[in-house]
Amino acid sequence: MKRCSRSHLPSLEEVEAIMRSRRYKLMADYPIEGQYNVSLWQNRSGFAVVYGLQLTAPLTYAYAAQELGESLMHALSCQGAMAES
């Protein structure tokens, strides 16, 4: 379960180094003020979604879309920009 805690925010550069070592290409990055970045990555095996320290991979297109949406909505909810309903 995702939480709204931010004990250590990895920089985009740290995340990129890890993902590039796994041959992933950054497709999209969503910085949300005061929250972890949410990013979508792709390689030959499929997709990955990174949300703070959480890496979810390998994912199909459909599961990546679901994980990306859930991560973005969670980050916005933690920011107070939207209500969970």
PDB file of N, CA and C in Angstrom:
ATOM      1  N   MET A   1       0.840  -1.176   0.000  1.00  0.00           N
ATOM      2  CA  MET A   1       0.000   0.000   0.000  1.00  0.00           C
ATOM      3  C   MET A   1       0.886   1.241   0.000  1.00  0.00           C
ATOM      4  N   LYS A   2       0.508   2.207  -0.779  1.00  0.00           N
ATOM      5  CA  LYS A   2       1.269   3.439  -0.883  1.00  0.00           C
ATOM      6  C   LYS A   2       1.005   4.321   0.325  1.00  0.00           C
ATOM      7  N   ARG A   3       2.035   5.051   0.737  1.00  0.00           N
ATOM      8  CA  ARG A   3       1.911   5.951   1.873  1.00  0.00           C
ATOM      9  C   ARG A   3       2.304   7.352   1.448  1.00  0.00           C
ATOM     10  N   CYS A   4       1.999   8.326   2.276  1.00  0.00           N
ATOM     11  CA  CYS A   4       2.300   9.729   1.985  1.00  0.00           C
ATOM     12  C   CYS A   4       3.572  10.186   2.701  1.00  0.00           C
ATOM     13  N   SER A   5       4.521   9.317   2.901  1.00  0.00           N
ATOM     14  CA  SER A   5       5.740   9.654   3.627  1.00  0.00           C
ATOM     15  C   SER A   5       6.891   9.894   2.649  1.00  0.00           C
ATOM     16  N   ARG A   6       7.771  10.851   2.980  1.00  0.00           N
ATOM     17  CA  ARG A   6       8.904  11.162   2.113  1.00  0.00           C
ATOM     18  C   ARG A   6      10.181  11.230   2.935  1.00  0.00           C
ATOM     19  N   SER A   7      10.708  10.094   3.374  1.00  0.00           N
ATOM     20  CA  SER A   7      11.923  10.126   4.180  1.00  0.00           C
ATOM     21  C   SER A   7      13.154  10.432   3.331  1.00  0.00           C
ATOM     22  N   HIS A   8      13.199   9.933   2.112  1.00  0.00           N
ATOM     23  CA  HIS A   8      14.312  10.219   1.201  1.00  0.00           C
ATOM     24  C   HIS A   8      13.762  10.301  -0.211  1.00  0.00           C
ATOM     25  N   LEU A   9      13.932  11.448  -0.836  1.00  0.00           N
ATOM     26  CA  LEU A   9      13.495  11.604  -2.218  1.00  0.00           C
ATOM     27  C   LEU A   9      14.689  11.387  -3.135  1.00  0.00           C
ATOM     28  N   PRO A  10      14.698  10.304  -3.922  1.00  0.00           N
ATOM     29  CA  PRO A  10      15.801  10.142  -4.860  1.00  0.00           C
ATOM     30  C   PRO A  10      15.681  11.191  -5.957  1.00  0.00           C
ATOM     31  N   SER A  11      16.806  11.675  -6.404  1.00  0.00           N
ATOM     32  CA  SER A  11      16.774  12.649  -7.494  1.00  0.00           C
ATOM     33  C   SER A  11      16.461  11.933  -8.797  1.00  0.00           C
ATOM     34  N   LEU A  12      15.999  12.690  -9.770  1.00  0.00           N
ATOM     35  CA  LEU A  12      15.725  12.111 -11.075  1.00  0.00           C
ATOM     36  C   LEU A  12      17.003  11.497 -11.650  1.00  0.00           C
ATOM     37  N   GLU A  13      18.141  12.118 -11.368  1.00  0.00           N
ATOM     38  CA  GLU A  13      19.420  11.601 -11.860  1.00  0.00           C
ATOM     39  C   GLU A  13      19.724  10.219 -11.260  1.00  0.00           C
ATOM     40  N   GLU A  14      19.432  10.031  -9.966  1.00  0.00           N
ATOM     41  CA  GLU A  14      19.644   8.724  -9.330  1.00  0.00           C
ATOM     42  C   GLU A  14      18.739   7.666  -9.944  1.00  0.00           C
ATOM     43  N   VAL A  15      17.481   8.010 -10.152  1.00  0.00           N
ATOM     44  CA  VAL A  15      16.536   7.077 -10.750  1.00  0.00           C
ATOM     45  C   VAL A  15      16.957   6.754 -12.175  1.00  0.00           C
ATOM     46  N   GLU A  16      17.349   7.790 -12.940  1.00  0.00           N
ATOM     47  CA  GLU A  16      17.769   7.571 -14.323  1.00  0.00           C
ATOM     48  C   GLU A  16      18.964   6.632 -14.402  1.00  0.00           C
ATOM     49  N   ALA A  17      19.914   6.789 -13.507  1.00  0.00           N
ATOM     50  CA  ALA A  17      21.103   5.923 -13.528  1.00  0.00           C
ATOM     51  C   ALA A  17      20.725   4.460 -13.318  1.00  0.00           C
ATOM     52  N   ILE A  18      19.841   4.208 -12.382  1.00  0.00           N
ATOM     53  CA  ILE A  18      19.400   2.831 -12.123  1.00  0.00           C
ATOM     54  C   ILE A  18      18.639   2.282 -13.317  1.00  0.00           C
ATOM     55  N   MET A  19      17.704   3.060 -13.838  1.00  0.00           N
ATOM     56  CA  MET A  19      16.867   2.573 -14.932  1.00  0.00           C
ATOM     57  C   MET A  19      17.665   2.411 -16.223  1.00  0.00           C
ATOM     58  N   ARG A  20      18.586   3.311 -16.496  1.00  0.00           N
ATOM     59  CA  ARG A  20      19.393   3.181 -17.708  1.00  0.00           C
ATOM     60  C   ARG A  20      20.314   1.963 -17.622  1.00  0.00           C
ATOM     61  N   SER A  21      20.760   1.623 -16.416  1.00  0.00           N
ATOM     62  CA  SER A  21      21.587   0.416 -16.260  1.00  0.00           C
ATOM     63  C   SER A  21      20.772  -0.832 -16.571  1.00  0.00           C
ATOM     64  N   ARG A  22      19.454  -0.717 -16.490  1.00  0.00           N
ATOM     65  CA  ARG A  22      18.551  -1.826 -16.827  1.00  0.00           C
ATOM     66  C   ARG A  22      17.995  -1.680 -18.241  1.00  0.00           C
ATOM     67  N   ARG A  23      18.582  -0.750 -19.002  1.00  0.00           N
ATOM     68  CA  ARG A  23      18.230  -0.508 -20.405  1.00  0.00           C
ATOM     69  C   ARG A  23      16.807   0.021 -20.609  1.00  0.00           C
ATOM     70  N   TYR A  24      16.342   0.789 -19.649  1.00  0.00           N
ATOM     71  CA  TYR A  24      15.051   1.449 -19.787  1.00  0.00           C
ATOM     72  C   TYR A  24      15.251   2.855 -20.337  1.00  0.00           C
ATOM     73  N   LYS A  25      14.280   3.321 -21.087  1.00  0.00           N
ATOM     74  CA  LYS A  25      14.279   4.679 -21.616  1.00  0.00           C
ATOM     75  C   LYS A  25      13.144   5.452 -20.945  1.00  0.00           C
ATOM     76  N   LEU A  26      13.462   6.662 -20.489  1.00  0.00           N
ATOM     77  CA  LEU A  26      12.451   7.506 -19.852  1.00  0.00           C
ATOM     78  C   LEU A  26      11.449   7.980 -20.900  1.00  0.00           C
ATOM     79  N   MET A  27      10.186   7.675 -20.668  1.00  0.00           N
ATOM     80  CA  MET A  27       9.124   8.083 -21.590  1.00  0.00           C
ATOM     81  C   MET A  27       8.406   9.343 -21.090  1.00  0.00           C
ATOM     82  N   ALA A  28       8.207   9.437 -19.758  1.00  0.00           N
ATOM     83  CA  ALA A  28       7.520  10.594 -19.188  1.00  0.00           C
ATOM     84  C   ALA A  28       7.872  10.708 -17.711  1.00  0.00           C
ATOM     85  N   ASP A  29       7.983  11.944 -17.243  1.00  0.00           N
ATOM     86  CA  ASP A  29       8.251  12.204 -15.829  1.00  0.00           C
ATOM     87  C   ASP A  29       7.252  13.243 -15.349  1.00  0.00           C
ATOM     88  N   TYR A  30       6.657  12.962 -14.202  1.00  0.00           N
ATOM     89  CA  TYR A  30       5.631  13.837 -13.645  1.00  0.00           C
ATOM     90  C   TYR A  30       6.058  14.312 -12.259  1.00  0.00           C
ATOM     91  N   PRO A  31       6.708  15.476 -12.161  1.00  0.00           N
ATOM     92  CA  PRO A  31       7.031  16.019 -10.849  1.00  0.00           C
ATOM     93  C   PRO A  31       5.796  16.665 -10.230  1.00  0.00           C
ATOM     94  N   ILE A  32       5.531  16.322  -8.982  1.00  0.00           N
ATOM     95  CA  ILE A  32       4.401  16.894  -8.253  1.00  0.00           C
ATOM     96  C   ILE A  32       4.980  17.551  -7.009  1.00  0.00           C
ATOM     97  N   GLU A  33       4.778  18.837  -6.888  1.00  0.00           N
ATOM     98  CA  GLU A  33       5.403  19.621  -5.824  1.00  0.00           C
ATOM     99  C   GLU A  33       5.183  18.998  -4.451  1.00  0.00           C
ATOM    100  N   GLY A  34       6.286  18.787  -3.723  1.00  0.00           N
ATOM    101  CA  GLY A  34       6.217  18.249  -2.374  1.00  0.00           C
ATOM    102  C   GLY A  34       6.011  16.747  -2.316  1.00  0.00           C
ATOM    103  N   GLN A  35       5.989  16.083  -3.470  1.00  0.00           N
ATOM    104  CA  GLN A  35       5.755  14.634  -3.510  1.00  0.00           C
ATOM    105  C   GLN A  35       6.847  13.965  -4.337  1.00  0.00           C
ATOM    106  N   TYR A  36       6.841  12.657  -4.297  1.00  0.00           N
ATOM    107  CA  TYR A  36       7.739  11.894  -5.160  1.00  0.00           C
ATOM    108  C   TYR A  36       7.384  12.131  -6.618  1.00  0.00           C
ATOM    109  N   ASN A  37       8.380  12.100  -7.494  1.00  0.00           N
ATOM    110  CA  ASN A  37       8.114  12.105  -8.931  1.00  0.00           C
ATOM    111  C   ASN A  37       7.501  10.766  -9.318  1.00  0.00           C
ATOM    112  N   VAL A  38       6.684  10.791 -10.343  1.00  0.00           N
ATOM    113  CA  VAL A  38       6.143   9.573 -10.937  1.00  0.00           C
ATOM    114  C   VAL A  38       6.692   9.534 -12.353  1.00  0.00           C
ATOM    115  N   SER A  39       7.313   8.421 -12.744  1.00  0.00           N
ATOM    116  CA  SER A  39       7.873   8.351 -14.092  1.00  0.00           C
ATOM    117  C   SER A  39       7.541   7.027 -14.763  1.00  0.00           C
ATOM    118  N   LEU A  40       7.430   7.096 -16.082  1.00  0.00           N
ATOM    119  CA  LEU A  40       7.132   5.939 -16.918  1.00  0.00           C
ATOM    120  C   LEU A  40       8.348   5.635 -17.767  1.00  0.00           C
ATOM    121  N   TRP A  41       8.741   4.367 -17.772  1.00  0.00           N
ATOM    122  CA  TRP A  41       9.926   3.897 -18.494  1.00  0.00           C
ATOM    123  C   TRP A  41       9.547   2.740 -19.402  1.00  0.00           C
ATOM    124  N   GLN A  42      10.343   2.548 -20.471  1.00  0.00           N
ATOM    125  CA  GLN A  42      10.085   1.429 -21.374  1.00  0.00           C
ATOM    126  C   GLN A  42      11.401   0.817 -21.834  1.00  0.00           C
ATOM    127  N   ASN A  43      11.403  -0.521 -21.944  1.00  0.00           N
ATOM    128  CA  ASN A  43      12.500  -1.236 -22.589  1.00  0.00           C
ATOM    129  C   ASN A  43      11.896  -2.360 -23.424  1.00  0.00           C
ATOM    130  N   ARG A  44      12.735  -3.246 -23.933  1.00  0.00           N
ATOM    131  CA  ARG A  44      12.238  -4.333 -24.785  1.00  0.00           C
ATOM    132  C   ARG A  44      11.285  -5.272 -24.057  1.00  0.00           C
ATOM    133  N   SER A  45      11.437  -5.377 -22.752  1.00  0.00           N
ATOM    134  CA  SER A  45      10.605  -6.290 -21.950  1.00  0.00           C
ATOM    135  C   SER A  45       9.234  -5.724 -21.639  1.00  0.00           C
ATOM    136  N   GLY A  46       9.074  -4.432 -21.767  1.00  0.00           N
ATOM    137  CA  GLY A  46       7.807  -3.806 -21.423  1.00  0.00           C
ATOM    138  C   GLY A  46       8.021  -2.466 -20.757  1.00  0.00           C
ATOM    139  N   PHE A  47       7.211  -2.214 -19.762  1.00  0.00           N
ATOM    140  CA  PHE A  47       7.198  -0.905 -19.113  1.00  0.00           C
ATOM    141  C   PHE A  47       7.546  -1.023 -17.629  1.00  0.00           C
ATOM    142  N   ALA A  48       7.899   0.119 -17.050  1.00  0.00           N
ATOM    143  CA  ALA A  48       8.129   0.227 -15.611  1.00  0.00           C
ATOM    144  C   ALA A  48       7.583   1.571 -15.158  1.00  0.00           C
ATOM    145  N   VAL A  49       7.062   1.600 -13.949  1.00  0.00           N
ATOM    146  CA  VAL A  49       6.613   2.845 -13.327  1.00  0.00           C
ATOM    147  C   VAL A  49       7.421   3.014 -12.049  1.00  0.00           C
ATOM    148  N   VAL A  50       8.003   4.193 -11.896  1.00  0.00           N
ATOM    149  CA  VAL A  50       8.757   4.515 -10.684  1.00  0.00           C
ATOM    150  C   VAL A  50       8.012   5.618  -9.959  1.00  0.00           C
ATOM    151  N   TYR A  51       7.731   5.363  -8.679  1.00  0.00           N
ATOM    152  CA  TYR A  51       7.045   6.334  -7.829  1.00  0.00           C
ATOM    153  C   TYR A  51       7.850   6.419  -6.548  1.00  0.00           C
ATOM    154  N   GLY A  52       8.673   7.451  -6.443  1.00  0.00           N
ATOM    155  CA  GLY A  52       9.550   7.568  -5.286  1.00  0.00           C
ATOM    156  C   GLY A  52      10.537   6.432  -5.256  1.00  0.00           C
ATOM    157  N   LEU A  53      10.505   5.634  -4.207  1.00  0.00           N
ATOM    158  CA  LEU A  53      11.411   4.495  -4.076  1.00  0.00           C
ATOM    159  C   LEU A  53      10.785   3.205  -4.593  1.00  0.00           C
ATOM    160  N   GLN A  54       9.564   3.278  -5.083  1.00  0.00           N
ATOM    161  CA  GLN A  54       8.860   2.090  -5.559  1.00  0.00           C
ATOM    162  C   GLN A  54       9.061   1.923  -7.057  1.00  0.00           C
ATOM    163  N   LEU A  55       9.594   0.771  -7.461  1.00  0.00           N
ATOM    164  CA  LEU A  55       9.753   0.418  -8.869  1.00  0.00           C
ATOM    165  C   LEU A  55       8.848  -0.765  -9.152  1.00  0.00           C
ATOM    166  N   THR A  56       7.931  -0.611 -10.104  1.00  0.00           N
ATOM    167  CA  THR A  56       7.034  -1.691 -10.483  1.00  0.00           C
ATOM    168  C   THR A  56       7.346  -2.069 -11.920  1.00  0.00           C
ATOM    169  N   ALA A  57       7.876  -3.283 -12.124  1.00  0.00           N
ATOM    170  CA  ALA A  57       8.290  -3.741 -13.451  1.00  0.00           C
ATOM    171  C   ALA A  57       8.487  -5.245 -13.422  1.00  0.00           C
ATOM    172  N   PRO A  58       8.462  -5.926 -14.533  1.00  0.00           N
ATOM    173  CA  PRO A  58       8.042  -5.447 -15.840  1.00  0.00           C
ATOM    174  C   PRO A  58       6.521  -5.419 -15.919  1.00  0.00           C
ATOM    175  N   LEU A  59       6.002  -4.485 -16.691  1.00  0.00           N
ATOM    176  CA  LEU A  59       4.565  -4.313 -16.828  1.00  0.00           C
ATOM    177  C   LEU A  59       4.167  -4.332 -18.302  1.00  0.00           C
ATOM    178  N   THR A  60       2.982  -4.843 -18.568  1.00  0.00           N
ATOM    179  CA  THR A  60       2.413  -4.724 -19.902  1.00  0.00           C
ATOM    180  C   THR A  60       1.911  -3.289 -20.071  1.00  0.00           C
ATOM    181  N   TYR A  61       1.515  -2.951 -21.269  1.00  0.00           N
ATOM    182  CA  TYR A  61       0.966  -1.624 -21.542  1.00  0.00           C
ATOM    183  C   TYR A  61      -0.209  -1.325 -20.611  1.00  0.00           C
ATOM    184  N   ALA A  62      -1.132  -2.274 -20.508  1.00  0.00           N
ATOM    185  CA  ALA A  62      -2.337  -2.061 -19.690  1.00  0.00           C
ATOM    186  C   ALA A  62      -2.005  -1.908 -18.213  1.00  0.00           C
ATOM    187  N   TYR A  63      -1.130  -2.758 -17.684  1.00  0.00           N
ATOM    188  CA  TYR A  63      -0.781  -2.659 -16.271  1.00  0.00           C
ATOM    189  C   TYR A  63       0.040  -1.400 -15.990  1.00  0.00           C
ATOM    190  N   ALA A  64       0.862  -0.992 -16.950  1.00  0.00           N
ATOM    191  CA  ALA A  64       1.635   0.239 -16.768  1.00  0.00           C
ATOM    192  C   ALA A  64       0.698   1.444 -16.714  1.00  0.00           C
ATOM    193  N   ALA A  65      -0.314   1.441 -17.579  1.00  0.00           N
ATOM    194  CA  ALA A  65      -1.294   2.539 -17.574  1.00  0.00           C
ATOM    195  C   ALA A  65      -2.023   2.600 -16.234  1.00  0.00           C
ATOM    196  N   GLN A  66      -2.400   1.450 -15.718  1.00  0.00           N
ATOM    197  CA  GLN A  66      -3.094   1.400 -14.429  1.00  0.00           C
ATOM    198  C   GLN A  66      -2.180   1.869 -13.301  1.00  0.00           C
ATOM    199  N   GLU A  67      -0.954   1.361 -13.253  1.00  0.00           N
ATOM    200  CA  GLU A  67      -0.006   1.737 -12.194  1.00  0.00           C
ATOM    201  C   GLU A  67       0.340   3.218 -12.265  1.00  0.00           C
ATOM    202  N   LEU A  68       0.534   3.736 -13.475  1.00  0.00           N
ATOM    203  CA  LEU A  68       0.839   5.153 -13.654  1.00  0.00           C
ATOM    204  C   LEU A  68      -0.312   6.011 -13.142  1.00  0.00           C
ATOM    205  N   GLY A  69      -1.531   5.653 -13.518  1.00  0.00           N
ATOM    206  CA  GLY A  69      -2.694   6.407 -13.060  1.00  0.00           C
ATOM    207  C   GLY A  69      -2.862   6.367 -11.557  1.00  0.00           C
ATOM    208  N   GLU A  70      -2.706   5.185 -10.965  1.00  0.00           N
ATOM    209  CA  GLU A  70      -2.841   5.063  -9.508  1.00  0.00           C
ATOM    210  C   GLU A  70      -1.760   5.860  -8.786  1.00  0.00           C
ATOM    211  N   SER A  71      -0.534   5.817  -9.305  1.00  0.00           N
ATOM    212  CA  SER A  71       0.563   6.545  -8.670  1.00  0.00           C
ATOM    213  C   SER A  71       0.359   8.048  -8.750  1.00  0.00           C
ATOM    214  N   LEU A  72      -0.054   8.532  -9.926  1.00  0.00           N
ATOM    215  CA  LEU A  72      -0.315   9.971 -10.079  1.00  0.00           C
ATOM    216  C   LEU A  72      -1.441  10.432  -9.166  1.00  0.00           C
ATOM    217  N   MET A  73      -2.513   9.663  -9.116  1.00  0.00           N
ATOM    218  CA  MET A  73      -3.647  10.036  -8.275  1.00  0.00           C
ATOM    219  C   MET A  73      -3.285   9.993  -6.793  1.00  0.00           C
ATOM    220  N   HIS A  74      -2.462   9.028  -6.401  1.00  0.00           N
ATOM    221  CA  HIS A  74      -2.037   8.946  -5.005  1.00  0.00           C
ATOM    222  C   HIS A  74      -1.180  10.150  -4.636  1.00  0.00           C
ATOM    223  N   ALA A  75      -0.231  10.501  -5.511  1.00  0.00           N
ATOM    224  CA  ALA A  75       0.634  11.654  -5.239  1.00  0.00           C
ATOM    225  C   ALA A  75      -0.184  12.938  -5.133  1.00  0.00           C
ATOM    226  N   LEU A  76      -1.146  13.109  -6.024  1.00  0.00           N
ATOM    227  CA  LEU A  76      -2.001  14.297  -5.968  1.00  0.00           C
ATOM    228  C   LEU A  76      -2.864  14.312  -4.709  1.00  0.00           C
ATOM    229  N   SER A  77      -3.317  13.148  -4.297  1.00  0.00           N
ATOM    230  CA  SER A  77      -4.106  13.047  -3.067  1.00  0.00           C
ATOM    231  C   SER A  77      -3.255  13.411  -1.859  1.00  0.00           C
ATOM    232  N   CYS A  78      -2.015  12.902  -1.816  1.00  0.00           N
ATOM    233  CA  CYS A  78      -1.114  13.227  -0.699  1.00  0.00           C
ATOM    234  C   CYS A  78      -0.776  14.715  -0.674  1.00  0.00           C
ATOM    235  N   GLN A  79      -0.719  15.322  -1.841  1.00  0.00           N
ATOM    236  CA  GLN A  79      -0.429  16.762  -1.941  1.00  0.00           C
ATOM    237  C   GLN A  79      -1.626  17.585  -1.462  1.00  0.00           C
ATOM    238  N   GLY A  80      -2.802  16.969  -1.451  1.00  0.00           N
ATOM    239  CA  GLY A  80      -4.000  17.683  -1.059  1.00  0.00           C
ATOM    240  C   GLY A  80      -4.724  18.301  -2.240  1.00  0.00           C
ATOM    241  N   ALA A  81      -4.274  17.971  -3.458  1.00  0.00           N
ATOM    242  CA  ALA A  81      -4.870  18.550  -4.659  1.00  0.00           C
ATOM    243  C   ALA A  81      -6.180  17.881  -5.038  1.00  0.00           C
ATOM    244  N   MET A  82      -6.402  16.647  -4.550  1.00  0.00           N
ATOM    245  CA  MET A  82      -7.660  15.951  -4.856  1.00  0.00           C
ATOM    246  C   MET A  82      -8.050  15.076  -3.681  1.00  0.00           C
ATOM    247  N   ALA A  83      -9.314  14.812  -3.580  1.00  0.00           N
ATOM    248  CA  ALA A  83      -9.825  13.962  -2.506  1.00  0.00           C
ATOM    249  C   ALA A  83      -9.955  12.538  -3.000  1.00  0.00           C
ATOM    250  N   GLU A  84      -9.662  11.579  -2.117  1.00  0.00           N
ATOM    251  CA  GLU A  84      -9.890  10.184  -2.441  1.00  0.00           C
ATOM    252  C   GLU A  84     -11.376   9.917  -2.268  1.00  0.00           C
ATOM    253  N   SER A  85     -12.001   9.385  -3.312  1.00  0.00           N
ATOM    254  CA  SER A  85     -13.423   9.049  -3.171  1.00  0.00           C
ATOM    255  C   SER A  85     -13.734   7.763  -3.898  1.00  0.00           C
TER     256      SER A  85
END
